[in-house]
């Protein structure tokens, strides 16, 4: 299974996203989003495309914050995946540690956003994946998204556009 991972889209709707990401969305089995959609319309469009799980970010409007959790844990093919933005925002320093503390559980994968800086790295048995910014919103240097590949293991990939 291949899972599309997004964060920090900062978009009004799908038409604001790069065509490559829109194509990935339309072909996805599962979309995971780590917050900062910035509009309810984009959230609705993502939900229409595929199975969807997500959390809100610090830049999301109140109607999104009331509809989506600040963090969640999903299980996919036996792997536990935690998702957080973190929703309180703040400094990007220590972001992985803060993301882990929000989820407070042993997880196979921790997805997070906020920094707009892509990361795919393992610490112990946990894969940390920050897909960066799908729209390249500052301070991102380029547009990126993430993929999780699940077989008998789970691997993460950052795709640069």
C-alpha atoms as a PDB file:
ATOM      1  CA  UNK A   1       0.000   0.000   0.000  1.00  0.00           C
ATOM      2  CA  UNK A   2       1.170   3.528  -0.794  1.00  0.00           C
ATOM      3  CA  UNK A   3      -0.111   6.391   1.368  1.00  0.00           C
ATOM      4  CA  UNK A   4       0.036  10.037   0.299  1.00  0.00           C
ATOM      5  CA  UNK A   5       1.229  12.346   3.093  1.00  0.00           C
ATOM      6  CA  UNK A   6       0.623  16.100   2.979  1.00  0.00           C
ATOM      7  CA  UNK A   7       1.088  19.034   5.305  1.00  0.00           C
ATOM      8  CA  UNK A   8       1.212  22.796   5.157  1.00  0.00           C
ATOM      9  CA  UNK A   9      -0.745  23.004   1.927  1.00  0.00           C
ATOM     10  CA  UNK A  10      -1.908  26.571   2.704  1.00  0.00           C
ATOM     11  CA  UNK A  11      -4.324  26.333  -0.226  1.00  0.00           C
ATOM     12  CA  UNK A  12      -7.860  27.459  -1.014  1.00  0.00           C
ATOM     13  CA  UNK A  13      -8.656  24.305  -2.988  1.00  0.00           C
ATOM     14  CA  UNK A  14      -7.095  21.522  -5.084  1.00  0.00           C
ATOM     15  CA  UNK A  15      -6.427  23.893  -7.987  1.00  0.00           C
ATOM     16  CA  UNK A  16      -3.821  25.682  -5.813  1.00  0.00           C
ATOM     17  CA  UNK A  17      -1.763  22.503  -5.518  1.00  0.00           C
ATOM     18  CA  UNK A  18       0.859  21.445  -8.083  1.00  0.00           C
ATOM     19  CA  UNK A  19      -0.573  19.157 -10.813  1.00  0.00           C
ATOM     20  CA  UNK A  20       1.709  16.300  -9.737  1.00  0.00           C
ATOM     21  CA  UNK A  21       0.228  16.352  -6.235  1.00  0.00           C
ATOM     22  CA  UNK A  22      -3.323  16.564  -7.604  1.00  0.00           C
ATOM     23  CA  UNK A  23      -2.595  13.457  -9.723  1.00  0.00           C
ATOM     24  CA  UNK A  24      -1.255  11.658  -6.625  1.00  0.00           C
ATOM     25  CA  UNK A  25      -4.382  12.668  -4.682  1.00  0.00           C
ATOM     26  CA  UNK A  26      -6.696  11.316  -7.377  1.00  0.00           C
ATOM     27  CA  UNK A  27      -4.877   7.965  -7.357  1.00  0.00           C
ATOM     28  CA  UNK A  28      -4.440   7.620  -3.597  1.00  0.00           C
ATOM     29  CA  UNK A  29      -5.962   4.870  -1.480  1.00  0.00           C
ATOM     30  CA  UNK A  30      -5.294   6.833   1.703  1.00  0.00           C
ATOM     31  CA  UNK A  31      -4.395  10.478   2.308  1.00  0.00           C
ATOM     32  CA  UNK A  32      -2.892  11.611   5.613  1.00  0.00           C
ATOM     33  CA  UNK A  33      -2.630  15.363   6.256  1.00  0.00           C
ATOM     34  CA  UNK A  34      -0.668  16.929   9.126  1.00  0.00           C
ATOM     35  CA  UNK A  35      -2.466  20.291   9.212  1.00  0.00           C
ATOM     36  CA  UNK A  36      -2.495  23.821   7.824  1.00  0.00           C
ATOM     37  CA  UNK A  37      -4.963  23.284   4.986  1.00  0.00           C
ATOM     38  CA  UNK A  38      -6.230  26.834   5.678  1.00  0.00           C
ATOM     39  CA  UNK A  39      -9.677  26.313   4.087  1.00  0.00           C
ATOM     40  CA  UNK A  40     -12.581  23.989   4.693  1.00  0.00           C
ATOM     41  CA  UNK A  41     -13.065  23.658   0.928  1.00  0.00           C
ATOM     42  CA  UNK A  42      -9.675  21.950   0.518  1.00  0.00           C
ATOM     43  CA  UNK A  43     -10.468  19.583   3.391  1.00  0.00           C
ATOM     44  CA  UNK A  44     -13.799  18.644   1.756  1.00  0.00           C
ATOM     45  CA  UNK A  45     -12.111  18.049  -1.596  1.00  0.00           C
ATOM     46  CA  UNK A  46      -9.463  15.793  -0.055  1.00  0.00           C
ATOM     47  CA  UNK A  47     -12.162  13.757   1.699  1.00  0.00           C
ATOM     48  CA  UNK A  48     -13.968  13.292  -1.628  1.00  0.00           C
ATOM     49  CA  UNK A  49     -10.879  11.836  -3.321  1.00  0.00           C
ATOM     50  CA  UNK A  50      -9.874   8.936  -1.043  1.00  0.00           C
ATOM     51  CA  UNK A  51      -9.937   7.543   2.456  1.00  0.00           C
ATOM     52  CA  UNK A  52      -8.699  10.458   4.543  1.00  0.00           C
ATOM     53  CA  UNK A  53      -7.313  11.098   8.023  1.00  0.00           C
ATOM     54  CA  UNK A  54      -5.938  14.388   9.243  1.00  0.00           C
ATOM     55  CA  UNK A  55      -5.361  16.860  12.026  1.00  0.00           C
ATOM     56  CA  UNK A  56      -5.583  20.637  12.222  1.00  0.00           C
ATOM     57  CA  UNK A  57      -2.642  23.007  12.298  1.00  0.00           C
ATOM     58  CA  UNK A  58      -1.959  26.355  13.892  1.00  0.00           C
ATOM     59  CA  UNK A  59      -2.981  28.322  10.758  1.00  0.00           C
ATOM     60  CA  UNK A  60      -6.321  26.581  10.238  1.00  0.00           C
ATOM     61  CA  UNK A  61      -9.534  28.555  10.823  1.00  0.00           C
ATOM     62  CA  UNK A  62     -11.825  27.808  13.803  1.00  0.00           C
ATOM     63  CA  UNK A  63     -14.262  25.706  11.731  1.00  0.00           C
ATOM     64  CA  UNK A  64     -11.427  23.316  10.814  1.00  0.00           C
ATOM     65  CA  UNK A  65     -10.072  23.250  14.353  1.00  0.00           C
ATOM     66  CA  UNK A  66     -13.496  22.234  15.647  1.00  0.00           C
ATOM     67  CA  UNK A  67     -13.829  19.496  13.025  1.00  0.00           C
ATOM     68  CA  UNK A  68     -10.364  17.934  13.163  1.00  0.00           C
ATOM     69  CA  UNK A  69      -8.339  16.770  16.180  1.00  0.00           C
ATOM     70  CA  UNK A  70      -4.987  18.278  17.156  1.00  0.00           C
ATOM     71  CA  UNK A  71      -3.449  14.809  16.958  1.00  0.00           C
ATOM     72  CA  UNK A  72      -4.590  11.292  16.171  1.00  0.00           C
ATOM     73  CA  UNK A  73      -3.326   7.743  15.791  1.00  0.00           C
ATOM     74  CA  UNK A  74      -4.411   5.509  12.932  1.00  0.00           C
ATOM     75  CA  UNK A  75      -3.600   1.875  12.304  1.00  0.00           C
ATOM     76  CA  UNK A  76      -2.867   0.787   8.757  1.00  0.00           C
ATOM     77  CA  UNK A  77      -2.063  -2.840   7.966  1.00  0.00           C
ATOM     78  CA  UNK A  78      -0.862  -3.398  11.518  1.00  0.00           C
ATOM     79  CA  UNK A  79       1.328  -0.284  11.694  1.00  0.00           C
ATOM     80  CA  UNK A  80       0.516   2.503  14.161  1.00  0.00           C
ATOM     81  CA  UNK A  81       0.833   5.966  12.636  1.00  0.00           C
ATOM     82  CA  UNK A  82       0.604   9.099  14.766  1.00  0.00           C
ATOM     83  CA  UNK A  83      -0.282  12.425  13.159  1.00  0.00           C
ATOM     84  CA  UNK A  84       0.174  15.909  14.636  1.00  0.00           C
ATOM     85  CA  UNK A  85       1.059  19.360  13.331  1.00  0.00           C
ATOM     86  CA  UNK A  86       1.682  20.405  16.302  1.00  0.00           C
ATOM     87  CA  UNK A  87      -1.366  22.652  16.459  1.00  0.00           C
ATOM     88  CA  UNK A  88       0.041  25.199  18.910  1.00  0.00           C
ATOM     89  CA  UNK A  89       2.644  26.290  16.347  1.00  0.00           C
ATOM     90  CA  UNK A  90       5.733  27.892  17.814  1.00  0.00           C
ATOM     91  CA  UNK A  91       9.400  27.443  17.079  1.00  0.00           C
ATOM     92  CA  UNK A  92      10.495  24.722  14.658  1.00  0.00           C
ATOM     93  CA  UNK A  93      13.332  23.819  17.036  1.00  0.00           C
ATOM     94  CA  UNK A  94      12.674  20.578  18.897  1.00  0.00           C
ATOM     95  CA  UNK A  95       9.716  19.841  16.628  1.00  0.00           C
ATOM     96  CA  UNK A  96      10.249  16.063  16.448  1.00  0.00           C
ATOM     97  CA  UNK A  97      10.401  15.842  20.242  1.00  0.00           C
ATOM     98  CA  UNK A  98       7.221  17.926  20.577  1.00  0.00           C
ATOM     99  CA  UNK A  99       5.451  15.821  17.958  1.00  0.00           C
ATOM    100  CA  UNK A 100       6.362  12.640  19.836  1.00  0.00           C
ATOM    101  CA  UNK A 101       5.206  14.100  23.166  1.00  0.00           C
ATOM    102  CA  UNK A 102       1.766  14.932  21.691  1.00  0.00           C
ATOM    103  CA  UNK A 103       1.235  11.306  20.714  1.00  0.00           C
ATOM    104  CA  UNK A 104       2.687   9.723  23.896  1.00  0.00           C
ATOM    105  CA  UNK A 105       2.649   6.179  22.623  1.00  0.00           C
ATOM    106  CA  UNK A 106       5.039   3.763  20.925  1.00  0.00           C
ATOM    107  CA  UNK A 107       4.427   4.256  17.214  1.00  0.00           C
ATOM    108  CA  UNK A 108       5.827   2.900  13.979  1.00  0.00           C
ATOM    109  CA  UNK A 109       5.487   6.293  12.256  1.00  0.00           C
ATOM    110  CA  UNK A 110       5.125   9.875  13.481  1.00  0.00           C
ATOM    111  CA  UNK A 111       3.868  12.320  10.852  1.00  0.00           C
ATOM    112  CA  UNK A 112       4.164  16.017  11.570  1.00  0.00           C
ATOM    113  CA  UNK A 113       4.333  19.357   9.795  1.00  0.00           C
ATOM    114  CA  UNK A 114       4.637  23.034  10.750  1.00  0.00           C
ATOM    115  CA  UNK A 115       8.291  23.669   9.807  1.00  0.00           C
ATOM    116  CA  UNK A 116       7.732  23.345   6.029  1.00  0.00           C
ATOM    117  CA  UNK A 117      11.004  21.408   6.032  1.00  0.00           C
ATOM    118  CA  UNK A 118      10.852  17.832   4.717  1.00  0.00           C
ATOM    119  CA  UNK A 119      12.238  15.077   6.944  1.00  0.00           C
ATOM    120  CA  UNK A 120      12.282  11.298   6.584  1.00  0.00           C
ATOM    121  CA  UNK A 121      14.440   9.608   9.193  1.00  0.00           C
ATOM    122  CA  UNK A 122      14.398   6.812  11.700  1.00  0.00           C
ATOM    123  CA  UNK A 123      15.090   7.045  15.391  1.00  0.00           C
ATOM    124  CA  UNK A 124      15.108   3.578  16.854  1.00  0.00           C
ATOM    125  CA  UNK A 125      12.044   1.747  15.567  1.00  0.00           C
ATOM    126  CA  UNK A 126      10.121   4.924  14.707  1.00  0.00           C
ATOM    127  CA  UNK A 127      10.021   6.601  11.301  1.00  0.00           C
ATOM    128  CA  UNK A 128       9.609  10.394  11.512  1.00  0.00           C
ATOM    129  CA  UNK A 129       8.117  11.947   8.387  1.00  0.00           C
ATOM    130  CA  UNK A 130       7.482  15.630   7.775  1.00  0.00           C
ATOM    131  CA  UNK A 131       6.332  16.013   4.163  1.00  0.00           C
ATOM    132  CA  UNK A 132       7.296  19.702   4.029  1.00  0.00           C
ATOM    133  CA  UNK A 133       5.019  22.142   2.210  1.00  0.00           C
ATOM    134  CA  UNK A 134       3.005  20.973  -0.801  1.00  0.00           C
ATOM    135  CA  UNK A 135       2.832  24.544  -2.106  1.00  0.00           C
ATOM    136  CA  UNK A 136       6.355  25.602  -1.183  1.00  0.00           C
ATOM    137  CA  UNK A 137       5.031  28.239   1.212  1.00  0.00           C
ATOM    138  CA  UNK A 138       7.803  30.157   3.004  1.00  0.00           C
ATOM    139  CA  UNK A 139      10.071  29.107   4.660  1.00  0.00           C
ATOM    140  CA  UNK A 140      10.061  26.052   2.366  1.00  0.00           C
ATOM    141  CA  UNK A 141      12.704  26.152  -0.327  1.00  0.00           C
ATOM    142  CA  UNK A 142      10.689  23.953  -2.687  1.00  0.00           C
ATOM    143  CA  UNK A 143       7.415  22.024  -2.974  1.00  0.00           C
ATOM    144  CA  UNK A 144       7.363  18.569  -1.426  1.00  0.00           C
ATOM    145  CA  UNK A 145       5.061  15.799  -0.276  1.00  0.00           C
ATOM    146  CA  UNK A 146       5.554  12.425   1.335  1.00  0.00           C
ATOM    147  CA  UNK A 147       4.812   8.813   0.562  1.00  0.00           C
ATOM    148  CA  UNK A 148       4.590   5.919   2.986  1.00  0.00           C
ATOM    149  CA  UNK A 149       5.093   2.488   1.455  1.00  0.00           C
ATOM    150  CA  UNK A 150       3.699  -0.351   3.526  1.00  0.00           C
ATOM    151  CA  UNK A 151       4.624  -3.967   2.876  1.00  0.00           C
ATOM    152  CA  UNK A 152       5.990  -6.113   5.692  1.00  0.00           C
ATOM    153  CA  UNK A 153       7.758  -2.895   6.777  1.00  0.00           C
ATOM    154  CA  UNK A 154       6.933   0.804   6.468  1.00  0.00           C
ATOM    155  CA  UNK A 155       9.243   3.144   4.550  1.00  0.00           C
ATOM    156  CA  UNK A 156       8.997   6.882   4.000  1.00  0.00           C
ATOM    157  CA  UNK A 157       9.938   8.966   1.001  1.00  0.00           C
ATOM    158  CA  UNK A 158      10.044  12.710   0.379  1.00  0.00           C
ATOM    159  CA  UNK A 159       9.106  13.700  -3.167  1.00  0.00           C
ATOM    160  CA  UNK A 160      10.455  17.031  -4.375  1.00  0.00           C
ATOM    161  CA  UNK A 161       8.624  18.763  -7.202  1.00  0.00           C
END
